[in-house]
Amino acid sequence: MAVNTSAEAPLPVGQVSRLIGGWIERLGAVWVEGQITQLSRRPGAGVVFLTLRDPSHDISVSVTCYRQVFDAVADVVTEGARVVVHAKPEWYAPRGQLSLRAAEIRPVGVGELLARLERLKKSLAAEGLFAAERKRPLPFLPQLVGLVCGRASAAERDVLENARHRWPAVRFEVRNVAVQGVHAVPQVVQAVRELDGHGEVDVIIVARGGGSVEDLLPFSDEELVRAVADCRTPVVSAIGHEPDQPLLDYVADLRASTPTDAAKKVVPDVGEEYERVRWLQGRARRCAEALVEREERGLAQALARPVMREPQRMVTERAEQIGALVDRGRRTLGHLLARADSELAHTRARVVALSPAATLRRGYAVLQQADGRVVRAASEVSPGEELRARVADGAFTVRVDGADEAAGREARAVPGERTADVE
């Protein structure tokens, strides 16, 4: 019910506390799940005091119950256990403190825990936190290794001893934290974030020497998984177990089966690397020697060729070939010229033989009329007509005197004045 108050008419603290108690008294009983962080069982006392914590939100609430209620589960419930409590809210007015009065306590079974982890695993996988492409490769030779482990634990000793045995110069930045119980998750998360922010840390190892499902619950906490997923530095999970895998194994960049295995995977063995370097040196030397030998054989084969033994031989052979070609060209040209000269002589002879001048030299003459036409028949001239007679050495004029009837009008030439044009 509402209460009317003002600055002039305020309520006393005690009355406000009583009002709150009255409101809470009207609330019914609820089922609450949480992790027991503190447990107080005083000898002879009839009441047991507990503190329940929500690891996901870091919220705690006080719980009280009668001794017989707790004794029913005392054999299986200890600090760090997850339980489900049926309780009714109570308000302690003198101190203004809220608590729960438990009427029943039930431990959360392993099967139910595994089912919840499986649901959380599927949810985180759907977000891509376990994707293979998010995994980062580890550095070949880390200069500074971050280690998150329990104080003076076997896991710490295994990692340090094996790593330094493999590579004595390796350095470690160790963060000792609680690896089980109610304080494990916040301490591990803080240590991982500190090492991730360290500028010289090259890789982070989260190690624990194994344990039961309940002991490994901190390494499946959602807050720790997301903190590792946000790291810029590669993270190695080395929880030291085989049957069960906490969610840290899926989000880490590399999973090691044990802390010793983590040291072997993170730090190279100096002896093995030295032998590998020697093997590579020998291989490089053999490759270089084989290359030199192959080139030497090729050079020797090249020098063994005749052209290399007698380099002038090629010039000599080419000179001889060129000389032969020149001689051949000269002979060919001479033959062509001789044949052309012979053909020219034959042609000239034929021309001379067929020339009219040659005919004239044999005593023949060519008669031409006044218009220059050649007389080819006696009927083409008339008596008294003057004709031009051409002989081998000149020409003269003749006149037709008469015709020989038996020869069919043969013309008689009468010598006239001789002309000066002579061929």
Protein backbone atom coordinates (compact mmCIF):
# COMPACT_ATOMS: atom_id res chain seq x y z
CA MET A 1 0.00 0.00 0.00
CA ALA A 2 1.20 3.50 -0.80
CA VAL A 3 2.49 5.80 1.94
CA ASN A 4 2.13 9.55 1.72
CA THR A 5 5.32 11.35 2.64
CA SER A 6 6.90 14.72 2.00
CA ALA A 7 9.96 16.70 2.95
CA GLU A 8 7.97 18.21 5.79
CA ALA A 9 6.50 14.86 6.93
CA PRO A 10 9.18 12.16 6.39
CA LEU A 11 9.06 8.63 7.79
CA PRO A 12 11.59 7.40 10.31
CA VAL A 13 14.03 4.73 9.18
CA GLY A 14 12.55 2.18 11.56
CA GLN A 15 9.08 2.69 10.15
CA VAL A 16 10.35 2.38 6.60
CA SER A 17 12.14 -0.84 7.54
CA ARG A 18 8.96 -2.20 9.12
CA LEU A 19 6.94 -1.26 6.02
CA ILE A 20 9.47 -3.04 3.79
CA GLY A 21 9.27 -6.07 6.07
CA GLY A 22 5.48 -6.01 5.80
CA TRP A 23 5.63 -5.93 2.01
CA ILE A 24 8.17 -8.78 1.89
CA GLU A 25 6.10 -10.85 4.32
CA ARG A 26 3.32 -10.87 1.76
CA LEU A 27 5.63 -12.49 -0.81
CA GLY A 28 5.35 -16.23 -1.29
CA ALA A 29 8.10 -18.87 -1.27
CA VAL A 30 10.31 -19.16 -4.38
CA TRP A 31 12.80 -21.66 -5.81
CA VAL A 32 16.28 -20.13 -6.04
CA GLU A 33 19.40 -21.54 -7.71
CA GLY A 34 22.91 -20.48 -6.79
CA GLN A 35 26.37 -21.49 -5.63
CA ILE A 36 27.20 -21.81 -1.94
CA THR A 37 30.04 -19.41 -1.18
CA GLN A 38 29.92 -19.42 2.63
CA LEU A 39 28.68 -22.08 5.00
CA SER A 40 28.45 -21.61 8.78
CA ARG A 41 27.46 -24.54 10.98
CA ARG A 42 28.09 -23.63 14.57
CA PRO A 43 28.19 -26.54 17.02
CA GLY A 44 25.00 -26.73 19.03
CA ALA A 45 23.24 -24.03 17.00
CA GLY A 46 19.86 -24.87 15.52
CA VAL A 47 20.29 -22.57 12.52
CA VAL A 48 22.72 -22.87 9.60
CA PHE A 49 23.82 -19.75 7.70
CA LEU A 50 24.56 -19.88 3.98
CA THR A 51 25.44 -17.41 1.22
CA LEU A 52 24.15 -18.07 -2.28
CA ARG A 53 25.92 -16.42 -5.21
CA ASP A 54 24.96 -16.00 -8.84
CA PRO A 55 28.30 -16.44 -10.71
CA SER A 56 26.94 -14.88 -13.86
CA HIS A 57 25.96 -11.56 -12.23
CA ASP A 58 28.14 -11.60 -9.11
CA ILE A 59 25.13 -11.14 -6.79
CA SER A 60 24.89 -12.83 -3.39
CA VAL A 61 22.06 -13.26 -0.87
CA SER A 62 22.04 -14.65 2.69
CA VAL A 63 20.13 -17.85 3.43
CA THR A 64 19.19 -19.36 6.78
CA CYS A 65 17.68 -22.74 7.47
CA TYR A 66 17.04 -25.01 10.39
CA ARG A 67 19.73 -27.55 11.11
CA GLN A 68 17.56 -30.51 10.23
CA VAL A 69 16.92 -29.02 6.78
CA PHE A 70 20.62 -28.76 6.06
CA ASP A 71 21.52 -32.09 7.68
CA ALA A 72 19.39 -33.81 5.03
CA VAL A 73 21.94 -32.79 2.36
CA ALA A 74 25.04 -32.20 4.48
CA ASP A 75 26.82 -35.22 3.01
CA VAL A 76 26.68 -33.92 -0.59
CA VAL A 77 26.60 -30.15 -0.15
CA THR A 78 29.74 -28.13 0.61
CA GLU A 79 31.10 -24.71 -0.25
CA GLY A 80 31.23 -24.25 -4.00
CA ALA A 81 28.34 -26.64 -4.68
CA ARG A 82 25.40 -25.54 -6.79
CA VAL A 83 22.05 -26.00 -5.13
CA VAL A 84 18.36 -25.23 -5.61
CA VAL A 85 16.68 -23.78 -2.50
CA HIS A 86 12.96 -23.48 -1.75
CA ALA A 87 12.83 -20.43 0.49
CA LYS A 88 10.68 -17.52 1.60
CA PRO A 89 12.06 -13.95 1.60
CA GLU A 90 12.50 -12.41 5.07
CA TRP A 91 13.36 -8.89 6.17
CA TYR A 92 15.36 -8.30 9.32
CA ALA A 93 14.09 -4.86 10.30
CA PRO A 94 16.74 -3.88 12.92
CA ARG A 95 19.52 -4.18 10.34
CA GLY A 96 17.51 -3.58 7.19
CA GLN A 97 18.79 -6.85 5.71
CA LEU A 98 17.08 -9.18 3.24
CA SER A 99 17.55 -12.93 3.61
CA LEU A 100 15.91 -16.16 2.58
CA ARG A 101 14.48 -18.73 4.97
CA ALA A 102 15.12 -22.12 3.32
CA ALA A 103 12.63 -24.91 3.80
CA GLU A 104 14.31 -27.35 1.38
CA ILE A 105 17.72 -27.65 -0.23
CA ARG A 106 18.41 -29.77 -3.31
CA PRO A 107 21.86 -30.25 -4.79
CA VAL A 108 22.09 -29.81 -8.58
CA GLY A 109 22.97 -33.19 -10.09
CA VAL A 110 25.82 -33.85 -12.51
CA GLY A 111 23.41 -34.78 -15.27
CA GLU A 112 21.57 -31.50 -14.97
CA LEU A 113 24.88 -29.60 -14.88
CA LEU A 114 26.03 -31.31 -18.05
CA ALA A 115 22.71 -30.55 -19.74
CA ARG A 116 23.04 -26.87 -18.84
CA LEU A 117 26.62 -26.81 -20.06
CA GLU A 118 25.49 -28.38 -23.33
CA ARG A 119 22.85 -25.70 -23.80
CA LEU A 120 25.40 -22.98 -23.04
CA LYS A 121 27.85 -24.61 -25.43
CA LYS A 122 25.31 -24.56 -28.28
CA SER A 123 24.42 -20.95 -27.55
CA LEU A 124 28.06 -19.80 -27.59
CA ALA A 125 28.80 -21.88 -30.69
CA ALA A 126 25.88 -20.21 -32.47
CA GLU A 127 27.54 -16.86 -31.75
CA GLY A 128 30.69 -18.08 -33.48
CA LEU A 129 32.95 -18.07 -30.40
CA PHE A 130 34.17 -21.61 -31.17
CA ALA A 131 34.71 -21.07 -34.92
CA ALA A 132 37.98 -22.41 -36.33
CA GLU A 133 38.70 -19.21 -38.25
CA ARG A 134 38.94 -17.33 -34.93
CA LYS A 135 41.82 -19.51 -33.76
CA ARG A 136 45.16 -17.72 -33.79
CA PRO A 137 48.48 -19.51 -34.38
CA LEU A 138 50.95 -19.68 -31.52
CA PRO A 139 54.27 -17.86 -31.87
CA PHE A 140 57.20 -20.10 -32.75
CA LEU A 141 59.39 -18.92 -29.89
CA PRO A 142 57.52 -16.88 -27.24
CA GLN A 143 59.76 -14.54 -25.27
CA LEU A 144 57.33 -14.23 -22.34
CA VAL A 145 54.62 -16.78 -21.48
CA GLY A 146 51.68 -15.90 -19.25
CA LEU A 147 50.58 -18.67 -16.89
CA VAL A 148 47.30 -18.77 -14.92
CA CYS A 149 47.24 -21.60 -12.39
CA GLY A 150 46.74 -22.48 -8.75
CA ARG A 151 49.27 -21.41 -6.17
CA ALA A 152 52.07 -23.99 -5.65
CA SER A 153 50.09 -26.44 -7.79
CA ALA A 154 51.37 -29.44 -9.70
CA ALA A 155 50.15 -27.79 -12.91
CA GLU A 156 52.41 -24.78 -12.31
CA ARG A 157 55.39 -27.01 -11.57
CA ASP A 158 54.80 -29.17 -14.67
CA VAL A 159 54.54 -26.20 -16.99
CA LEU A 160 57.55 -24.32 -15.61
CA GLU A 161 59.87 -27.31 -15.35
CA ASN A 162 59.05 -28.80 -18.75
CA ALA A 163 59.18 -25.46 -20.53
CA ARG A 164 62.56 -24.49 -19.04
CA HIS A 165 63.91 -27.96 -19.73
CA ARG A 166 62.96 -27.54 -23.40
CA TRP A 167 64.07 -23.90 -23.73
CA PRO A 168 66.03 -22.58 -20.73
CA ALA A 169 65.79 -18.94 -21.85
CA VAL A 170 61.98 -18.81 -21.77
CA ARG A 171 60.43 -16.39 -19.25
CA PHE A 172 57.09 -16.68 -17.43
CA GLU A 173 54.62 -14.19 -16.02
CA VAL A 174 52.68 -16.27 -13.45
CA ARG A 175 49.29 -15.39 -11.96
CA ASN A 176 48.29 -17.63 -9.04
CA VAL A 177 44.51 -17.84 -8.67
CA ALA A 178 41.83 -20.06 -7.21
CA VAL A 179 41.06 -22.79 -9.73
CA GLN A 180 37.93 -24.09 -8.01
CA GLY A 181 35.28 -22.74 -5.71
CA VAL A 182 33.32 -19.54 -5.73
CA HIS A 183 36.29 -17.23 -6.27
CA ALA A 184 37.77 -19.13 -9.21
CA VAL A 185 35.88 -17.45 -12.05
CA PRO A 186 36.51 -13.79 -11.12
CA GLN A 187 40.18 -14.43 -10.30
CA VAL A 188 40.86 -16.39 -13.49
CA VAL A 189 39.06 -13.78 -15.60
CA GLN A 190 41.04 -10.96 -13.98
CA ALA A 191 44.34 -12.81 -14.45
CA VAL A 192 43.62 -13.52 -18.12
CA ARG A 193 42.73 -9.89 -18.78
CA GLU A 194 45.86 -8.66 -16.99
CA LEU A 195 48.11 -10.92 -19.02
CA ASP A 196 46.32 -10.01 -22.24
CA GLY A 197 47.01 -6.37 -21.50
CA HIS A 198 50.68 -7.07 -20.80
CA GLY A 199 52.62 -5.80 -23.78
CA GLU A 200 55.36 -8.46 -23.65
CA VAL A 201 53.25 -11.60 -23.13
CA ASP A 202 53.18 -13.64 -26.36
CA VAL A 203 50.89 -16.50 -25.27
CA ILE A 204 48.72 -17.29 -22.21
CA ILE A 205 48.36 -20.75 -20.63
CA VAL A 206 45.40 -21.49 -18.35
CA ALA A 207 46.36 -24.66 -16.45
CA ARG A 208 44.80 -26.95 -13.89
CA GLY A 209 45.60 -30.53 -12.96
CA GLY A 210 42.18 -32.01 -13.79
CA GLY A 211 39.33 -32.91 -11.43
CA SER A 212 35.67 -33.86 -11.29
CA VAL A 213 32.92 -32.21 -13.29
CA GLU A 214 32.02 -29.99 -10.35
CA ASP A 215 35.65 -28.95 -9.87
CA LEU A 216 35.93 -27.96 -13.51
CA LEU A 217 32.76 -25.84 -13.58
CA PRO A 218 34.67 -22.52 -13.31
CA PHE A 219 36.33 -23.27 -16.66
CA SER A 220 32.91 -23.59 -18.32
CA ASP A 221 31.64 -20.29 -16.96
CA GLU A 222 30.23 -17.98 -19.62
CA GLU A 223 32.10 -14.95 -18.27
CA LEU A 224 35.45 -16.74 -18.57
CA VAL A 225 34.63 -18.03 -22.05
CA ARG A 226 33.79 -14.54 -23.30
CA ALA A 227 36.89 -13.07 -21.65
CA VAL A 228 39.10 -15.58 -23.48
CA ALA A 229 37.26 -14.92 -26.74
CA ASP A 230 38.02 -11.19 -26.39
CA CYS A 231 41.75 -11.75 -25.83
CA ARG A 232 44.18 -10.44 -28.44
CA THR A 233 46.86 -12.83 -27.17
CA PRO A 234 46.66 -16.55 -28.11
CA VAL A 235 45.30 -18.65 -25.23
CA VAL A 236 46.12 -22.31 -24.51
CA SER A 237 43.73 -24.40 -22.40
CA ALA A 238 45.56 -27.00 -20.28
CA ILE A 239 43.02 -28.24 -17.78
CA GLY A 240 44.53 -31.73 -17.58
CA HIS A 241 41.55 -33.96 -18.25
CA GLU A 242 40.41 -36.27 -21.04
CA PRO A 243 36.85 -37.59 -20.44
CA ASP A 244 35.30 -34.15 -19.95
CA GLN A 245 36.01 -30.93 -21.81
CA PRO A 246 35.14 -27.58 -20.26
CA LEU A 247 33.98 -24.83 -22.60
CA LEU A 248 37.38 -23.16 -22.22
CA ASP A 249 38.80 -25.89 -24.49
CA TYR A 250 36.49 -24.86 -27.33
CA VAL A 251 37.14 -21.12 -27.20
CA ALA A 252 40.91 -21.35 -26.61
CA ASP A 253 43.24 -21.09 -29.60
CA LEU A 254 44.85 -24.42 -28.68
CA ARG A 255 43.85 -27.27 -26.38
CA ALA A 256 46.50 -29.23 -24.52
CA SER A 257 45.66 -32.52 -22.85
CA THR A 258 47.79 -31.75 -19.76
CA PRO A 259 49.88 -28.88 -18.40
CA THR A 260 52.98 -30.82 -19.50
CA ASP A 261 51.56 -31.10 -23.01
CA ALA A 262 50.91 -27.35 -22.98
CA ALA A 263 54.57 -26.66 -22.19
CA LYS A 264 55.62 -28.91 -25.09
CA LYS A 265 53.25 -27.22 -27.54
CA VAL A 266 54.05 -23.65 -26.51
CA VAL A 267 57.84 -23.85 -26.10
CA PRO A 268 60.05 -25.55 -28.73
CA ASP A 269 62.72 -28.02 -27.67
CA VAL A 270 66.17 -26.47 -28.04
CA GLY A 271 67.74 -29.84 -28.81
CA GLU A 272 65.20 -30.67 -31.48
CA GLU A 273 65.54 -27.22 -33.03
CA TYR A 274 69.33 -27.51 -33.00
CA GLU A 275 69.12 -30.87 -34.78
CA ARG A 276 66.62 -29.42 -37.24
CA VAL A 277 68.97 -26.52 -37.95
CA ARG A 278 71.86 -28.95 -38.47
CA TRP A 279 69.72 -31.07 -40.79
CA LEU A 280 68.69 -27.98 -42.76
CA GLN A 281 72.31 -26.84 -42.96
CA GLY A 282 73.36 -30.24 -44.28
CA ARG A 283 70.50 -30.24 -46.76
CA ALA A 284 71.39 -26.74 -47.93
CA ARG A 285 75.04 -27.75 -48.29
CA ARG A 286 74.11 -30.85 -50.30
CA CYS A 287 71.82 -28.84 -52.53
CA ALA A 288 74.53 -26.23 -53.12
CA GLU A 289 77.14 -28.91 -53.85
CA ALA A 290 74.80 -30.72 -56.23
CA LEU A 291 74.08 -27.44 -58.02
CA VAL A 292 77.78 -26.64 -58.37
CA GLU A 293 78.56 -30.16 -59.59
CA ARG A 294 75.76 -30.01 -62.13
CA GLU A 295 76.96 -26.67 -63.44
CA GLU A 296 80.55 -27.93 -63.57
CA ARG A 297 79.45 -30.92 -65.64
CA GLY A 298 77.48 -28.66 -67.95
CA LEU A 299 80.47 -26.35 -68.31
CA ALA A 300 82.80 -29.28 -69.01
CA GLN A 301 80.40 -30.61 -71.65
CA ALA A 302 80.18 -27.17 -73.23
CA LEU A 303 83.98 -26.84 -73.30
CA ALA A 304 84.28 -30.31 -74.82
CA ARG A 305 82.33 -29.27 -77.91
CA PRO A 306 84.42 -28.70 -81.12
CA VAL A 307 83.23 -25.14 -81.38
CA MET A 308 84.73 -24.36 -77.99
CA ARG A 309 87.98 -26.24 -78.65
CA GLU A 310 88.46 -24.55 -82.08
CA PRO A 311 86.37 -21.36 -82.04
CA GLN A 312 87.98 -20.17 -85.33
CA ARG A 313 86.72 -23.31 -87.07
CA MET A 314 83.25 -21.87 -87.41
CA VAL A 315 84.64 -18.72 -89.04
CA THR A 316 86.81 -20.80 -91.37
CA GLU A 317 83.91 -23.03 -92.38
CA ARG A 318 81.71 -20.04 -92.97
CA ALA A 319 84.48 -18.30 -94.98
CA GLU A 320 84.84 -21.38 -97.19
CA GLN A 321 81.10 -21.52 -97.67
CA ILE A 322 80.99 -17.84 -98.54
CA GLY A 323 83.90 -18.27 -101.02
CA ALA A 324 82.14 -21.20 -102.66
CA LEU A 325 78.95 -19.19 -102.91
CA VAL A 326 80.83 -16.23 -104.43
CA ASP A 327 82.49 -18.50 -107.02
CA ARG A 328 79.20 -20.12 -107.78
CA GLY A 329 77.62 -16.70 -108.21
CA ARG A 330 80.39 -15.62 -110.56
CA ARG A 331 80.09 -18.75 -112.67
CA THR A 332 76.36 -18.45 -112.80
CA LEU A 333 76.57 -14.80 -113.81
CA GLY A 334 79.22 -15.63 -116.45
CA HIS A 335 77.03 -18.37 -117.90
CA LEU A 336 74.05 -16.03 -117.96
CA LEU A 337 76.07 -13.31 -119.72
CA ALA A 338 77.56 -15.78 -122.24
CA ARG A 339 74.16 -17.21 -123.05
CA ALA A 340 72.69 -13.75 -123.40
CA ASP A 341 75.58 -12.71 -125.71
CA SER A 342 75.09 -15.81 -127.85
CA GLU A 343 71.36 -15.19 -128.06
CA LEU A 344 72.04 -11.56 -128.97
CA ALA A 345 74.48 -12.59 -131.73
CA HIS A 346 72.00 -15.08 -133.16
CA THR A 347 69.25 -12.52 -133.05
CA ARG A 348 71.49 -9.92 -134.74
CA ALA A 349 72.41 -12.43 -137.43
CA ARG A 350 68.75 -13.17 -138.07
CA VAL A 351 67.98 -9.48 -138.16
CA VAL A 352 70.83 -8.82 -140.58
CA ALA A 353 69.78 -11.75 -142.73
CA LEU A 354 66.21 -10.56 -142.87
CA SER A 355 67.14 -6.88 -143.28
CA PRO A 356 66.14 -5.24 -146.66
CA ALA A 357 69.59 -3.66 -146.80
CA ALA A 358 71.13 -7.09 -147.12
CA THR A 359 68.81 -7.84 -150.03
CA LEU A 360 69.79 -4.61 -151.69
CA ARG A 361 73.45 -5.52 -151.32
CA ARG A 362 72.83 -8.61 -153.43
CA GLY A 363 71.87 -6.37 -156.39
CA TYR A 364 68.20 -5.82 -155.80
CA ALA A 365 66.52 -2.40 -155.89
CA VAL A 366 63.33 -0.97 -154.40
CA LEU A 367 61.12 1.20 -156.68
CA GLN A 368 58.91 3.84 -155.11
CA GLN A 369 56.35 6.06 -156.73
CA ALA A 370 56.23 9.80 -156.18
CA ASP A 371 54.02 9.41 -153.13
CA GLY A 372 56.47 6.92 -151.58
CA ARG A 373 54.51 3.76 -152.28
CA VAL A 374 56.59 0.72 -153.17
CA VAL A 375 56.01 -0.74 -156.58
CA ARG A 376 55.12 -4.39 -156.27
CA ALA A 377 53.61 -5.10 -159.73
CA ALA A 378 54.19 -3.86 -163.31
CA SER A 379 50.58 -2.87 -163.62
CA GLU A 380 51.03 -0.24 -160.92
CA VAL A 381 53.19 2.01 -163.17
CA SER A 382 52.53 3.85 -166.41
CA PRO A 383 54.89 4.62 -169.32
CA GLY A 384 56.74 7.84 -168.82
CA GLU A 385 56.21 7.76 -165.03
CA GLU A 386 59.23 8.62 -162.95
CA LEU A 387 60.09 6.29 -160.12
CA ARG A 388 62.63 6.40 -157.32
CA ALA A 389 65.00 3.42 -157.26
CA ARG A 390 66.79 2.56 -154.02
CA VAL A 391 69.91 0.39 -154.10
CA ALA A 392 72.40 -0.67 -151.42
CA ASP A 393 74.56 2.44 -151.53
CA GLY A 394 72.05 5.11 -152.56
CA ALA A 395 69.05 6.01 -154.71
CA PHE A 396 68.36 7.42 -158.16
CA THR A 397 65.39 8.35 -160.41
CA VAL A 398 64.16 6.24 -163.32
CA ARG A 399 61.41 6.71 -165.91
CA VAL A 400 59.13 4.04 -167.25
CA ASP A 401 59.72 3.68 -170.95
CA GLY A 402 57.47 0.81 -171.84
CA ALA A 403 56.13 -2.55 -170.83
CA ASP A 404 57.05 -6.06 -171.87
CA GLU A 405 53.86 -7.62 -173.04
CA ALA A 406 55.17 -11.16 -172.65
CA ALA A 407 55.97 -10.53 -169.01
CA GLY A 408 52.72 -8.65 -168.55
CA ARG A 409 53.68 -5.03 -168.73
CA GLU A 410 57.36 -5.14 -167.70
CA ALA A 411 58.79 -1.70 -166.99
CA ARG A 412 62.05 -0.53 -168.39
CA ALA A 413 64.01 1.79 -166.28
CA VAL A 414 65.75 4.72 -167.82
CA PRO A 415 68.55 6.12 -165.67
CA GLY A 416 67.91 9.63 -164.50
CA GLU A 417 69.65 11.97 -162.11
CA ARG A 418 71.25 10.19 -159.19
CA THR A 419 70.31 11.43 -155.74
CA ALA A 420 72.66 12.05 -152.89
CA ASP A 421 70.90 9.98 -150.17
CA VAL A 422 72.60 6.66 -149.92
CA GLU A 423 72.08 4.03 -147.27
